Amino acid sequence: GSDEFSQLVASLTEMRHLPTQECKLAARRLFLTWHPDRCRAPHAVRFFRIARRFACLMEEGQRDEAEAFVASLLPGAEEPDRSQGYEEVSPHTWFAAFEEEERSRQQTAAADAAAAAAAAAA
C-alpha cells in the first residue's frame, strides 16, 4: 500500500544519484520485487511500470526528466501524466535482457518441476 509506495519513491530518489551501472542494478532489484509474475500485490503492475519508466529515463541519460518524474510521485504532486510514456515505454537492451533472463528462468523451473513430477509418477 502507501508504505510500500513511499519506499518505492525513496528508492527512486536515492537511485537518481547513483552511477549508471549501480542504478541499473538497483532497478533490476526493483523489477524483481515488483514484477507482476513474482508479486501478487494488487499494486505490483503500477509499481513495476513506475520503476520501469524511471529506469528507462535514466538509461536514456534523461536525469532531469527522471528527477521530475520522481518529484511527480511525491506527496502533494499531481498524478504523473500517463500520456507521456508513463504506462508503456519502449524496452531497452538491458531491460529486454532482464526480461529474457526471467522468461528463461521460469521455463527452466517449469521444466524441472515437470520432470520431477514425471519421475515421481514413474
Foldseek 3Di string as FASTA:
>chain_A
DVVVLVVLLVLLVVLLPDPLVVSVVSLLVQCCVLVVVNDVPPCSLLSNLLSVVLNVCVVVVNSVVSVVSSVCSDPPHPNDDVVVQSNHDDDDPVRVVSVVVVVVVVVVVVVVVVVVVVVVVD
